[in-house]
N, C-alpha and C. Protein backbone atom coordinates (compact mmCIF):
# COMPACT_ATOMS: atom_id res chain seq x y z
N MET A 1 -4.92 8.66 21.06
CA MET A 1 -5.71 7.45 21.23
C MET A 1 -7.19 7.89 21.48
N CYS A 2 -8.01 6.90 21.61
CA CYS A 2 -9.40 7.16 21.96
C CYS A 2 -9.83 6.19 23.01
N GLY A 3 -10.12 6.59 24.26
CA GLY A 3 -10.36 5.69 25.33
C GLY A 3 -11.74 5.82 26.03
N ARG A 4 -12.49 6.83 25.60
CA ARG A 4 -13.82 7.03 26.16
C ARG A 4 -14.67 7.71 25.08
N ILE A 5 -15.89 7.31 24.95
CA ILE A 5 -16.76 7.89 23.94
C ILE A 5 -18.21 8.16 24.51
N THR A 6 -19.02 8.90 23.78
CA THR A 6 -20.41 9.04 24.17
C THR A 6 -21.28 8.58 23.00
N ARG A 7 -22.42 8.03 23.28
CA ARG A 7 -23.45 7.76 22.27
C ARG A 7 -24.82 8.06 22.92
N THR A 8 -25.28 9.27 22.65
CA THR A 8 -26.55 9.73 23.23
C THR A 8 -27.64 9.88 22.24
N SER A 9 -27.43 9.76 20.93
CA SER A 9 -28.53 9.86 19.95
C SER A 9 -29.44 8.64 20.06
N ALA A 10 -30.70 8.89 19.79
CA ALA A 10 -31.73 7.87 19.78
C ALA A 10 -31.63 7.00 18.51
N ARG A 11 -32.28 5.83 18.59
CA ARG A 11 -32.26 4.91 17.49
C ARG A 11 -32.67 5.60 16.16
N GLU A 12 -33.76 6.35 16.23
CA GLU A 12 -34.32 6.98 15.03
C GLU A 12 -33.27 7.92 14.42
N ALA A 13 -32.55 8.65 15.19
CA ALA A 13 -31.50 9.61 14.72
C ALA A 13 -30.41 8.83 14.06
N VAL A 14 -29.98 7.75 14.69
CA VAL A 14 -28.91 6.93 14.11
C VAL A 14 -29.31 6.27 12.80
N ALA A 15 -30.54 5.80 12.76
CA ALA A 15 -31.08 5.14 11.53
C ALA A 15 -31.08 6.17 10.38
N LYS A 16 -31.48 7.35 10.65
CA LYS A 16 -31.54 8.41 9.66
C LYS A 16 -30.15 8.86 9.17
N GLU A 17 -29.28 9.03 10.11
CA GLU A 17 -27.93 9.46 9.85
C GLU A 17 -27.10 8.48 9.00
N PHE A 18 -27.21 7.20 9.30
CA PHE A 18 -26.39 6.19 8.68
C PHE A 18 -27.12 5.37 7.62
N GLY A 19 -28.45 5.48 7.55
CA GLY A 19 -29.24 4.63 6.61
C GLY A 19 -29.24 3.18 7.02
N VAL A 20 -29.36 2.94 8.30
CA VAL A 20 -29.36 1.56 8.84
C VAL A 20 -30.66 0.90 8.43
N ILE A 21 -30.55 -0.32 7.96
CA ILE A 21 -31.80 -1.08 7.57
C ILE A 21 -32.23 -2.08 8.61
N ARG A 22 -31.22 -2.74 9.22
CA ARG A 22 -31.52 -3.78 10.23
C ARG A 22 -30.82 -3.53 11.48
N PHE A 23 -31.57 -3.67 12.66
CA PHE A 23 -31.03 -3.50 13.95
C PHE A 23 -30.99 -4.73 14.76
N ALA A 24 -29.85 -5.07 15.41
CA ALA A 24 -29.84 -6.09 16.44
C ALA A 24 -30.30 -5.47 17.76
N GLU A 25 -30.58 -6.29 18.75
CA GLU A 25 -31.00 -5.76 20.02
C GLU A 25 -29.88 -5.09 20.77
N VAL A 26 -30.04 -3.78 21.05
CA VAL A 26 -29.07 -3.03 21.83
C VAL A 26 -29.85 -2.12 22.85
N ASP A 27 -29.14 -1.71 23.83
CA ASP A 27 -29.68 -0.79 24.86
C ASP A 27 -29.56 0.63 24.33
N TRP A 28 -30.66 1.31 24.11
CA TRP A 28 -30.64 2.63 23.47
C TRP A 28 -30.68 3.77 24.48
N HIS A 29 -30.49 3.47 25.76
CA HIS A 29 -30.51 4.64 26.68
C HIS A 29 -29.25 5.48 26.41
N PRO A 30 -29.29 6.77 26.62
CA PRO A 30 -28.08 7.61 26.34
C PRO A 30 -26.94 7.20 27.21
N ARG A 31 -25.71 7.16 26.58
CA ARG A 31 -24.48 6.74 27.30
C ARG A 31 -23.49 7.86 27.18
N TYR A 32 -23.06 8.39 28.31
CA TYR A 32 -22.19 9.51 28.39
C TYR A 32 -20.73 9.23 28.71
N ASN A 33 -20.42 7.98 28.94
CA ASN A 33 -19.05 7.68 29.39
C ASN A 33 -18.75 6.20 29.12
N VAL A 34 -18.71 5.83 27.84
CA VAL A 34 -18.48 4.45 27.41
C VAL A 34 -17.00 4.13 27.48
N ALA A 35 -16.62 3.06 28.23
CA ALA A 35 -15.20 2.73 28.47
C ALA A 35 -14.86 1.45 27.73
N PRO A 36 -13.54 1.21 27.61
CA PRO A 36 -13.10 -0.06 27.06
C PRO A 36 -13.69 -1.31 27.79
N SER A 37 -13.91 -2.35 27.07
CA SER A 37 -14.48 -3.62 27.49
C SER A 37 -16.04 -3.54 27.55
N GLN A 38 -16.62 -2.31 27.41
CA GLN A 38 -18.03 -2.21 27.35
C GLN A 38 -18.53 -2.36 25.90
N ILE A 39 -19.87 -2.38 25.83
CA ILE A 39 -20.44 -2.61 24.47
C ILE A 39 -20.63 -1.27 23.69
N LEU A 40 -20.24 -1.37 22.44
CA LEU A 40 -20.46 -0.25 21.51
C LEU A 40 -21.48 -0.56 20.47
N GLU A 41 -22.12 0.41 19.94
CA GLU A 41 -23.04 0.20 18.80
C GLU A 41 -22.24 0.36 17.51
N THR A 42 -22.29 -0.65 16.65
CA THR A 42 -21.48 -0.62 15.45
C THR A 42 -22.32 -0.96 14.23
N ILE A 43 -21.82 -0.52 13.08
CA ILE A 43 -22.51 -0.76 11.83
C ILE A 43 -21.57 -1.49 10.85
N ILE A 44 -22.10 -2.58 10.24
CA ILE A 44 -21.36 -3.26 9.17
C ILE A 44 -22.30 -3.31 7.95
N SER A 45 -21.73 -3.64 6.83
CA SER A 45 -22.48 -3.80 5.57
C SER A 45 -22.51 -5.24 5.17
N VAL A 46 -23.68 -5.77 4.95
CA VAL A 46 -23.88 -7.16 4.49
C VAL A 46 -24.73 -7.11 3.23
N ASN A 47 -24.08 -7.50 2.13
CA ASN A 47 -24.70 -7.43 0.81
C ASN A 47 -25.37 -6.05 0.53
N GLY A 48 -24.62 -5.04 0.92
CA GLY A 48 -25.08 -3.68 0.67
C GLY A 48 -26.06 -3.15 1.68
N GLU A 49 -26.42 -3.97 2.63
CA GLU A 49 -27.43 -3.56 3.63
C GLU A 49 -26.68 -3.18 4.94
N LYS A 50 -26.94 -2.01 5.46
CA LYS A 50 -26.27 -1.58 6.65
C LYS A 50 -27.02 -2.17 7.92
N ARG A 51 -26.26 -2.85 8.75
CA ARG A 51 -26.80 -3.51 9.95
C ARG A 51 -26.08 -2.98 11.18
N LEU A 52 -26.84 -2.69 12.19
CA LEU A 52 -26.26 -2.16 13.47
C LEU A 52 -26.38 -3.27 14.53
N GLY A 53 -25.38 -3.40 15.29
CA GLY A 53 -25.43 -4.39 16.38
C GLY A 53 -24.32 -4.13 17.42
N PRO A 54 -24.35 -4.82 18.50
CA PRO A 54 -23.37 -4.60 19.64
C PRO A 54 -22.07 -5.34 19.37
N MET A 55 -20.97 -4.66 19.76
CA MET A 55 -19.63 -5.30 19.84
C MET A 55 -18.92 -4.83 21.06
N ARG A 56 -18.11 -5.73 21.59
CA ARG A 56 -17.33 -5.32 22.78
C ARG A 56 -16.11 -4.55 22.38
N TRP A 57 -15.83 -3.51 23.09
CA TRP A 57 -14.70 -2.60 22.78
C TRP A 57 -13.43 -3.22 23.32
N GLY A 58 -12.60 -3.73 22.39
CA GLY A 58 -11.38 -4.38 22.71
C GLY A 58 -11.22 -5.54 21.72
N PHE A 59 -10.31 -5.36 20.78
CA PHE A 59 -10.22 -6.30 19.63
C PHE A 59 -9.50 -7.58 19.98
N VAL A 60 -10.19 -8.68 19.75
CA VAL A 60 -9.68 -10.05 19.94
C VAL A 60 -9.67 -10.79 18.60
N PRO A 61 -8.54 -11.10 17.99
CA PRO A 61 -8.45 -11.75 16.71
C PRO A 61 -9.16 -13.04 16.82
N ALA A 62 -9.79 -13.48 15.68
CA ALA A 62 -10.57 -14.71 15.62
C ALA A 62 -9.71 -15.93 15.88
N THR A 63 -8.37 -15.76 15.59
CA THR A 63 -7.48 -16.90 15.74
C THR A 63 -6.79 -16.93 17.10
N ALA A 64 -7.03 -15.91 17.94
CA ALA A 64 -6.40 -15.87 19.24
C ALA A 64 -6.81 -16.98 20.09
N LYS A 65 -5.90 -17.67 20.76
CA LYS A 65 -6.17 -18.74 21.70
C LYS A 65 -6.61 -18.19 23.05
N GLU A 66 -6.01 -17.00 23.39
CA GLU A 66 -6.48 -16.34 24.69
C GLU A 66 -6.84 -14.88 24.30
N SER A 67 -7.58 -14.28 25.22
CA SER A 67 -8.10 -12.92 24.92
C SER A 67 -7.55 -11.86 25.93
N LYS A 68 -6.37 -12.18 26.48
CA LYS A 68 -5.82 -11.24 27.46
C LYS A 68 -5.51 -9.86 26.87
N LEU A 69 -5.00 -9.91 25.60
CA LEU A 69 -4.68 -8.70 24.85
C LEU A 69 -5.84 -8.29 24.02
N ALA A 70 -6.38 -7.14 24.30
CA ALA A 70 -7.55 -6.68 23.53
C ALA A 70 -7.43 -5.20 23.31
N PRO A 71 -6.63 -4.80 22.29
CA PRO A 71 -6.45 -3.39 22.07
C PRO A 71 -7.65 -2.63 21.69
N ILE A 72 -7.87 -1.44 22.15
CA ILE A 72 -9.08 -0.66 21.84
C ILE A 72 -8.81 0.23 20.68
N ASN A 73 -7.58 0.48 20.35
CA ASN A 73 -7.23 1.37 19.20
C ASN A 73 -6.30 0.66 18.24
N ALA A 74 -6.30 1.07 16.96
CA ALA A 74 -5.39 0.45 16.00
C ALA A 74 -4.80 1.64 15.17
N ARG A 75 -3.49 1.73 15.09
CA ARG A 75 -2.85 2.83 14.41
C ARG A 75 -3.08 2.73 12.90
N ALA A 76 -3.62 3.86 12.31
CA ALA A 76 -3.86 3.89 10.90
C ALA A 76 -2.66 3.56 10.05
N GLU A 77 -1.47 4.00 10.53
CA GLU A 77 -0.26 3.83 9.70
C GLU A 77 0.13 2.39 9.45
N THR A 78 -0.29 1.53 10.39
CA THR A 78 0.11 0.12 10.34
C THR A 78 -1.12 -0.82 10.27
N LEU A 79 -2.25 -0.31 10.04
CA LEU A 79 -3.51 -1.12 10.11
C LEU A 79 -3.49 -2.19 9.06
N SER A 80 -2.93 -1.92 7.85
CA SER A 80 -2.96 -2.89 6.77
C SER A 80 -1.80 -3.82 6.81
N THR A 81 -0.82 -3.66 7.72
CA THR A 81 0.35 -4.47 7.74
C THR A 81 0.54 -5.22 9.07
N SER A 82 -0.14 -4.75 10.12
CA SER A 82 -0.02 -5.44 11.45
C SER A 82 -0.61 -6.79 11.39
N PRO A 83 0.14 -7.80 11.85
CA PRO A 83 -0.36 -9.20 11.87
C PRO A 83 -1.70 -9.31 12.68
N MET A 84 -1.87 -8.45 13.67
CA MET A 84 -3.09 -8.52 14.47
C MET A 84 -4.29 -7.96 13.71
N PHE A 85 -4.11 -6.92 12.93
CA PHE A 85 -5.19 -6.16 12.41
C PHE A 85 -5.43 -6.32 10.86
N ARG A 86 -4.50 -6.82 10.12
CA ARG A 86 -4.48 -6.66 8.68
C ARG A 86 -5.60 -7.49 8.06
N ASP A 87 -5.97 -8.62 8.62
CA ASP A 87 -7.11 -9.39 8.09
C ASP A 87 -8.38 -8.68 8.28
N ALA A 88 -8.63 -8.11 9.49
CA ALA A 88 -9.76 -7.32 9.78
C ALA A 88 -9.90 -6.09 8.85
N PHE A 89 -8.71 -5.39 8.61
CA PHE A 89 -8.68 -4.22 7.72
C PHE A 89 -9.14 -4.64 6.34
N ARG A 90 -8.81 -5.79 5.88
CA ARG A 90 -9.18 -6.22 4.52
C ARG A 90 -10.64 -6.71 4.45
N ARG A 91 -11.16 -7.32 5.49
CA ARG A 91 -12.42 -8.03 5.38
C ARG A 91 -13.51 -7.58 6.36
N HIS A 92 -13.05 -7.00 7.49
CA HIS A 92 -14.07 -6.75 8.59
C HIS A 92 -13.90 -5.35 9.07
N ARG A 93 -14.44 -4.42 8.34
CA ARG A 93 -14.42 -2.97 8.76
C ARG A 93 -15.84 -2.57 9.17
N CYS A 94 -15.89 -1.65 10.10
CA CYS A 94 -17.16 -1.23 10.64
C CYS A 94 -17.12 0.25 10.99
N LEU A 95 -18.25 0.82 11.26
CA LEU A 95 -18.38 2.14 11.87
C LEU A 95 -18.82 2.02 13.35
N VAL A 96 -18.12 2.72 14.14
CA VAL A 96 -18.50 2.77 15.56
C VAL A 96 -19.31 4.02 15.75
N VAL A 97 -20.48 3.85 16.18
CA VAL A 97 -21.44 5.03 16.36
C VAL A 97 -21.10 5.82 17.60
N ALA A 98 -21.05 7.10 17.43
CA ALA A 98 -20.71 7.98 18.60
C ALA A 98 -21.28 9.33 18.39
N ASP A 99 -21.35 10.13 19.47
CA ASP A 99 -21.70 11.55 19.40
C ASP A 99 -20.57 12.43 19.79
N GLY A 100 -19.55 11.81 20.43
CA GLY A 100 -18.37 12.53 20.90
C GLY A 100 -17.38 11.66 21.54
N PHE A 101 -16.24 12.22 21.91
CA PHE A 101 -15.25 11.37 22.66
C PHE A 101 -14.46 12.36 23.56
N TYR A 102 -13.74 11.70 24.53
CA TYR A 102 -12.96 12.40 25.52
C TYR A 102 -11.47 12.20 25.23
N GLU A 103 -10.79 13.27 25.60
CA GLU A 103 -9.29 13.11 25.56
C GLU A 103 -8.73 13.90 26.73
N TRP A 104 -7.59 13.42 27.25
CA TRP A 104 -6.98 14.10 28.45
C TRP A 104 -5.68 14.75 28.04
N LYS A 105 -5.59 16.02 28.47
CA LYS A 105 -4.34 16.78 28.25
C LYS A 105 -3.41 16.66 29.45
N LYS A 106 -2.19 16.33 29.16
CA LYS A 106 -1.21 16.21 30.26
C LYS A 106 -0.78 17.64 30.70
N ASN A 107 -0.74 17.84 31.97
CA ASN A 107 -0.29 19.12 32.51
C ASN A 107 1.00 18.83 33.35
N ASP A 108 1.44 19.83 34.09
CA ASP A 108 2.62 19.58 34.90
C ASP A 108 2.29 18.50 35.96
N GLY A 109 3.29 17.71 36.25
CA GLY A 109 3.05 16.69 37.23
C GLY A 109 2.18 15.54 36.72
N ARG A 110 1.30 15.04 37.58
CA ARG A 110 0.43 13.86 37.17
C ARG A 110 -0.95 14.32 36.86
N ARG A 111 -1.21 15.59 37.01
CA ARG A 111 -2.58 16.04 36.70
C ARG A 111 -2.91 16.08 35.22
N ARG A 112 -4.06 15.60 34.82
CA ARG A 112 -4.50 15.64 33.48
C ARG A 112 -5.93 16.25 33.37
N THR A 113 -6.14 17.05 32.37
CA THR A 113 -7.40 17.81 32.15
C THR A 113 -8.21 17.13 31.09
N PRO A 114 -9.43 16.69 31.40
CA PRO A 114 -10.28 16.05 30.39
C PRO A 114 -10.99 17.07 29.48
N PHE A 115 -11.08 16.75 28.21
CA PHE A 115 -11.74 17.56 27.23
C PHE A 115 -12.79 16.65 26.50
N PHE A 116 -13.87 17.32 26.04
CA PHE A 116 -14.89 16.66 25.26
C PHE A 116 -14.83 17.16 23.83
N ILE A 117 -14.86 16.25 22.87
CA ILE A 117 -14.81 16.67 21.43
C ILE A 117 -16.02 16.10 20.72
N ARG A 118 -16.62 16.94 19.86
CA ARG A 118 -17.74 16.55 19.12
C ARG A 118 -17.85 17.35 17.84
N LEU A 119 -18.76 16.90 16.93
CA LEU A 119 -18.96 17.69 15.73
C LEU A 119 -19.66 18.96 16.10
N LYS A 120 -19.37 20.03 15.39
CA LYS A 120 -20.04 21.34 15.60
C LYS A 120 -21.52 21.21 15.29
N SER A 121 -21.85 20.31 14.38
CA SER A 121 -23.23 20.14 13.99
C SER A 121 -24.02 19.45 15.05
N GLY A 122 -23.38 18.75 15.97
CA GLY A 122 -24.07 17.98 17.04
C GLY A 122 -24.63 16.65 16.51
N ARG A 123 -24.31 16.30 15.27
CA ARG A 123 -24.90 15.06 14.73
C ARG A 123 -24.07 13.87 15.16
N PRO A 124 -24.66 12.68 15.17
CA PRO A 124 -23.86 11.47 15.41
C PRO A 124 -22.91 11.27 14.27
N PHE A 125 -21.83 10.52 14.55
CA PHE A 125 -20.80 10.23 13.48
C PHE A 125 -20.34 8.80 13.63
N GLY A 126 -19.47 8.41 12.70
CA GLY A 126 -18.89 7.06 12.71
C GLY A 126 -17.38 7.08 12.79
N PHE A 127 -16.82 6.44 13.77
CA PHE A 127 -15.39 6.23 13.78
C PHE A 127 -15.03 5.11 12.85
N ALA A 128 -13.94 5.12 12.21
CA ALA A 128 -13.43 3.99 11.36
C ALA A 128 -13.03 2.87 12.34
N GLY A 129 -13.68 1.71 12.19
CA GLY A 129 -13.36 0.60 13.07
C GLY A 129 -13.11 -0.66 12.31
N ILE A 130 -12.47 -1.59 13.02
CA ILE A 130 -12.29 -2.97 12.53
C ILE A 130 -12.87 -3.93 13.58
N TRP A 131 -13.32 -5.07 13.12
CA TRP A 131 -13.97 -6.00 14.07
C TRP A 131 -13.53 -7.43 13.81
N SER A 132 -13.86 -8.28 14.74
CA SER A 132 -13.55 -9.71 14.67
C SER A 132 -14.60 -10.46 15.37
N LEU A 133 -14.87 -11.68 14.89
CA LEU A 133 -15.85 -12.58 15.54
C LEU A 133 -15.11 -13.85 15.93
N LYS A 134 -15.07 -14.06 17.23
CA LYS A 134 -14.41 -15.17 17.81
C LYS A 134 -15.40 -16.15 18.31
N ARG A 135 -15.26 -17.38 17.95
CA ARG A 135 -16.15 -18.46 18.37
C ARG A 135 -15.56 -19.25 19.49
N GLY A 136 -16.43 -19.47 20.57
CA GLY A 136 -15.93 -20.18 21.69
C GLY A 136 -16.06 -21.67 21.54
N GLU A 137 -15.59 -22.40 22.54
CA GLU A 137 -15.63 -23.86 22.51
C GLU A 137 -17.03 -24.41 22.54
N LYS A 138 -17.90 -23.68 23.16
CA LYS A 138 -19.37 -24.26 23.39
C LYS A 138 -20.26 -23.54 22.42
N GLY A 139 -19.77 -23.04 21.29
CA GLY A 139 -20.61 -22.41 20.29
C GLY A 139 -20.96 -20.98 20.54
N THR A 140 -20.35 -20.39 21.55
CA THR A 140 -20.57 -18.97 21.84
C THR A 140 -19.82 -18.10 20.80
N ARG A 141 -20.30 -16.95 20.61
CA ARG A 141 -19.63 -16.02 19.66
C ARG A 141 -19.48 -14.65 20.35
N LEU A 142 -18.31 -14.07 20.10
CA LEU A 142 -18.00 -12.77 20.64
C LEU A 142 -17.49 -11.85 19.58
N ALA A 143 -18.24 -10.79 19.28
CA ALA A 143 -17.86 -9.78 18.33
C ALA A 143 -17.08 -8.69 19.08
N THR A 144 -15.88 -8.34 18.64
CA THR A 144 -15.13 -7.27 19.28
C THR A 144 -14.63 -6.33 18.24
N CYS A 145 -14.22 -5.12 18.68
CA CYS A 145 -13.79 -4.11 17.73
C CYS A 145 -12.74 -3.21 18.29
N ALA A 146 -12.10 -2.47 17.41
CA ALA A 146 -11.08 -1.41 17.77
C ALA A 146 -11.32 -0.21 16.90
N ILE A 147 -10.96 0.95 17.37
CA ILE A 147 -11.14 2.21 16.64
C ILE A 147 -9.81 2.68 16.07
N ALA A 148 -9.75 2.98 14.79
CA ALA A 148 -8.54 3.46 14.12
C ALA A 148 -8.17 4.84 14.61
N THR A 149 -6.92 5.06 14.82
CA THR A 149 -6.40 6.43 15.20
C THR A 149 -5.37 6.84 14.16
N CYS A 150 -5.25 8.19 14.15
CA CYS A 150 -4.29 8.84 13.19
C CYS A 150 -3.60 10.00 13.85
N PRO A 151 -2.67 10.63 13.21
CA PRO A 151 -2.01 11.82 13.77
C PRO A 151 -3.12 12.92 13.94
N PRO A 152 -2.98 13.84 14.88
CA PRO A 152 -4.04 14.78 15.19
C PRO A 152 -4.04 15.88 14.18
N ASN A 153 -5.19 16.57 14.09
CA ASN A 153 -5.30 17.86 13.31
C ASN A 153 -4.75 18.94 14.27
N ASP A 154 -4.68 20.16 13.82
CA ASP A 154 -4.10 21.23 14.65
C ASP A 154 -4.86 21.49 15.95
N LEU A 155 -6.21 21.31 15.89
CA LEU A 155 -6.98 21.53 17.08
C LEU A 155 -6.70 20.47 18.14
N MET A 156 -6.61 19.18 17.72
CA MET A 156 -6.43 18.12 18.68
C MET A 156 -4.97 17.98 19.12
N GLU A 157 -4.02 18.50 18.34
CA GLU A 157 -2.67 18.43 18.68
C GLU A 157 -2.33 19.20 20.00
N LYS A 158 -3.18 20.15 20.33
CA LYS A 158 -2.97 20.89 21.60
C LYS A 158 -3.27 20.03 22.83
N ILE A 159 -4.01 18.96 22.54
CA ILE A 159 -4.44 18.09 23.64
C ILE A 159 -3.65 16.74 23.65
N HIS A 160 -3.52 16.12 22.51
CA HIS A 160 -2.92 14.80 22.44
C HIS A 160 -2.24 14.62 21.05
N ASN A 161 -1.35 13.60 21.00
CA ASN A 161 -0.61 13.36 19.79
C ASN A 161 -1.29 12.35 18.84
N ARG A 162 -2.47 11.87 19.25
CA ARG A 162 -3.24 11.04 18.34
C ARG A 162 -4.70 11.41 18.47
N MET A 163 -5.53 11.04 17.44
CA MET A 163 -6.93 11.23 17.49
C MET A 163 -7.65 10.13 16.72
N PRO A 164 -8.87 9.76 17.05
CA PRO A 164 -9.59 8.77 16.35
C PRO A 164 -10.02 9.24 14.93
N VAL A 165 -10.10 8.30 14.03
CA VAL A 165 -10.47 8.62 12.64
C VAL A 165 -12.02 8.76 12.60
N ILE A 166 -12.51 9.94 12.34
CA ILE A 166 -13.95 10.20 12.12
C ILE A 166 -14.16 10.25 10.61
N LEU A 167 -14.99 9.38 10.09
CA LEU A 167 -15.14 9.33 8.70
C LEU A 167 -16.25 10.29 8.24
N PRO A 168 -15.99 11.20 7.27
CA PRO A 168 -17.04 12.12 6.76
C PRO A 168 -18.15 11.32 6.11
N VAL A 169 -19.29 11.93 6.04
CA VAL A 169 -20.46 11.26 5.43
C VAL A 169 -20.21 10.60 4.11
N GLY A 170 -19.50 11.33 3.26
CA GLY A 170 -19.30 10.87 1.83
C GLY A 170 -18.39 9.67 1.66
N VAL A 171 -17.69 9.26 2.71
CA VAL A 171 -16.77 8.11 2.55
C VAL A 171 -17.15 6.91 3.42
N ARG A 172 -18.23 7.03 4.14
CA ARG A 172 -18.61 5.92 5.08
C ARG A 172 -18.87 4.64 4.24
N ASP A 173 -19.62 4.76 3.15
CA ASP A 173 -19.98 3.57 2.37
C ASP A 173 -18.72 2.92 1.83
N ARG A 174 -17.69 3.71 1.44
CA ARG A 174 -16.53 3.11 0.89
C ARG A 174 -15.75 2.33 1.99
N TRP A 175 -15.73 2.87 3.22
CA TRP A 175 -15.11 2.16 4.28
C TRP A 175 -15.77 0.79 4.57
N LEU A 176 -17.07 0.77 4.46
CA LEU A 176 -17.86 -0.46 4.70
C LEU A 176 -17.84 -1.40 3.50
N ASP A 177 -17.58 -0.96 2.34
CA ASP A 177 -17.63 -1.77 1.13
C ASP A 177 -16.55 -2.86 1.16
N PRO A 178 -16.94 -4.15 1.12
CA PRO A 178 -15.96 -5.22 1.13
C PRO A 178 -15.04 -5.29 -0.07
N ALA A 179 -15.51 -4.60 -1.16
CA ALA A 179 -14.70 -4.68 -2.40
C ALA A 179 -13.82 -3.42 -2.57
N ALA A 180 -13.78 -2.54 -1.59
CA ALA A 180 -12.98 -1.30 -1.65
C ALA A 180 -11.52 -1.66 -1.75
N ASP A 181 -10.79 -0.85 -2.55
CA ASP A 181 -9.34 -1.04 -2.75
C ASP A 181 -8.63 -0.61 -1.45
N GLU A 182 -7.57 -1.37 -1.11
CA GLU A 182 -6.84 -1.13 0.05
C GLU A 182 -6.10 0.25 0.08
N THR A 183 -5.62 0.61 -1.07
CA THR A 183 -4.98 1.90 -1.19
C THR A 183 -5.93 3.06 -0.90
N GLU A 184 -7.11 2.89 -1.50
CA GLU A 184 -8.17 3.89 -1.26
C GLU A 184 -8.54 3.89 0.27
N LEU A 185 -8.66 2.76 0.87
CA LEU A 185 -9.04 2.74 2.26
C LEU A 185 -7.97 3.42 3.18
N ARG A 186 -6.71 3.13 2.89
CA ARG A 186 -5.65 3.80 3.68
C ARG A 186 -5.80 5.36 3.54
N GLY A 187 -6.22 5.77 2.36
CA GLY A 187 -6.35 7.20 2.15
C GLY A 187 -7.50 7.88 2.92
N LEU A 188 -8.39 7.07 3.48
CA LEU A 188 -9.53 7.55 4.31
C LEU A 188 -9.07 7.78 5.72
N LEU A 189 -7.99 7.18 6.15
CA LEU A 189 -7.59 7.24 7.55
C LEU A 189 -6.80 8.46 7.89
N VAL A 190 -7.45 9.60 7.84
CA VAL A 190 -6.89 10.90 7.98
C VAL A 190 -7.68 11.72 9.03
N PRO A 191 -7.05 12.72 9.67
CA PRO A 191 -7.80 13.50 10.69
C PRO A 191 -8.91 14.32 10.02
N LEU A 192 -10.02 14.45 10.71
CA LEU A 192 -11.09 15.28 10.29
C LEU A 192 -10.63 16.81 10.45
N PRO A 193 -11.01 17.64 9.49
CA PRO A 193 -10.56 19.05 9.53
C PRO A 193 -11.00 19.73 10.82
N ASP A 194 -10.14 20.64 11.27
CA ASP A 194 -10.33 21.38 12.59
C ASP A 194 -11.74 22.00 12.62
N GLN A 195 -12.12 22.62 11.49
CA GLN A 195 -13.32 23.51 11.50
C GLN A 195 -14.59 22.67 11.66
N GLU A 196 -14.56 21.33 11.65
CA GLU A 196 -15.75 20.55 11.84
C GLU A 196 -15.99 20.12 13.30
N LEU A 197 -14.95 20.37 14.14
CA LEU A 197 -15.03 19.95 15.50
C LEU A 197 -15.10 21.11 16.46
N GLU A 198 -15.64 20.79 17.67
CA GLU A 198 -15.59 21.72 18.82
C GLU A 198 -15.03 21.00 19.99
N VAL A 199 -14.22 21.63 20.81
CA VAL A 199 -13.56 21.03 21.92
C VAL A 199 -13.78 21.98 23.12
N TYR A 200 -14.13 21.29 24.29
CA TYR A 200 -14.18 22.12 25.55
C TYR A 200 -13.85 21.23 26.72
N GLU A 201 -13.41 21.89 27.81
CA GLU A 201 -13.03 21.22 28.97
C GLU A 201 -14.27 20.72 29.76
N VAL A 202 -14.12 19.57 30.34
CA VAL A 202 -15.16 18.93 31.23
C VAL A 202 -14.59 18.60 32.55
N SER A 203 -15.43 18.21 33.44
CA SER A 203 -14.98 17.95 34.78
C SER A 203 -14.32 16.58 34.92
N SER A 204 -13.70 16.31 36.03
CA SER A 204 -13.08 15.07 36.29
C SER A 204 -14.02 13.93 36.53
N LEU A 205 -15.28 14.15 36.51
CA LEU A 205 -16.29 13.12 36.67
C LEU A 205 -16.10 11.99 35.64
N VAL A 206 -15.70 12.45 34.46
CA VAL A 206 -15.50 11.42 33.39
C VAL A 206 -14.24 10.52 33.60
N ASN A 207 -13.47 10.86 34.58
CA ASN A 207 -12.34 9.99 34.89
C ASN A 207 -12.75 8.53 35.29
N SER A 208 -13.86 8.45 35.90
CA SER A 208 -14.38 7.15 36.35
C SER A 208 -15.52 6.67 35.46
N PRO A 209 -15.41 5.47 34.86
CA PRO A 209 -16.52 4.99 34.01
C PRO A 209 -17.77 4.69 34.82
N ARG A 210 -17.72 4.74 36.12
CA ARG A 210 -18.90 4.50 36.93
C ARG A 210 -19.85 5.72 36.80
N ASN A 211 -19.29 6.85 36.38
CA ASN A 211 -20.14 8.05 36.22
C ASN A 211 -20.58 8.12 34.78
N ASP A 212 -21.85 8.01 34.59
CA ASP A 212 -22.49 8.00 33.26
C ASP A 212 -23.74 8.81 33.26
N SER A 213 -23.53 10.11 33.13
CA SER A 213 -24.73 11.09 33.21
C SER A 213 -24.38 12.30 32.39
N PRO A 214 -25.39 13.14 32.10
CA PRO A 214 -25.15 14.38 31.34
C PRO A 214 -24.08 15.25 31.94
N GLU A 215 -23.84 15.18 33.25
CA GLU A 215 -22.83 16.01 33.86
C GLU A 215 -21.41 15.74 33.29
N CYS A 216 -21.22 14.55 32.72
CA CYS A 216 -19.92 14.18 32.11
C CYS A 216 -19.56 15.13 31.00
N VAL A 217 -20.54 15.55 30.21
CA VAL A 217 -20.27 16.35 29.03
C VAL A 217 -20.55 17.84 29.26
N ARG A 218 -20.88 18.26 30.55
CA ARG A 218 -21.15 19.67 30.80
C ARG A 218 -19.86 20.46 30.79
N PRO A 219 -19.81 21.59 30.12
CA PRO A 219 -18.56 22.35 30.07
C PRO A 219 -18.21 22.95 31.39
N VAL A 220 -16.84 22.94 31.66
CA VAL A 220 -16.35 23.59 32.84
C VAL A 220 -16.36 25.05 32.65
N VAL A 221 -16.88 25.79 33.62
CA VAL A 221 -16.98 27.27 33.56
C VAL A 221 -15.97 27.82 34.56
N ARG A 222 -15.04 28.62 34.10
CA ARG A 222 -14.01 29.16 34.99
C ARG A 222 -14.20 30.67 35.10
């Protein structure tokens, strides 16, 4: 799964990396420990124009009468068939902007060790995401999203049995393209190769979303 991410790149770096044309108002201070129910920076394509804006992390279908269930992840294997996600998979796909994510390795007993994962290049990247826009009774609108997950690559398998789908640069536009073929889209939901990632242990500071500082991503030295 994917339950915590970082987004520390500045607006200019994100615009250059993804070719964003239009920005909605978002808070661009570095974020080192983004948790579910918080706001993510996401990119959608509108008439071929990439637009970045905020979405709440936790998917709420547009047809849902209540929002108690808000999954943060969606399994790649069932994304196109799940009653909750299939419409968003077909029509509402997005990129979730990040610089890295955390995962916890289970040890003996209840103790879990947190690890930080990022691209070796240090560049920002996009998770494969789906989104929904729910309209409230008083005209309010709430955009929410979830991150697609897939079986792990060999590197991530040592930590967890799932990993988020990180889309390589060359396929991002296809994921955002409203006209993309579903079979092709399903083929994009695969683990990023091991050699593109680096993983290292971090401190338990990241266990609490109240901690949001560079110390969260600092490597543990033993």
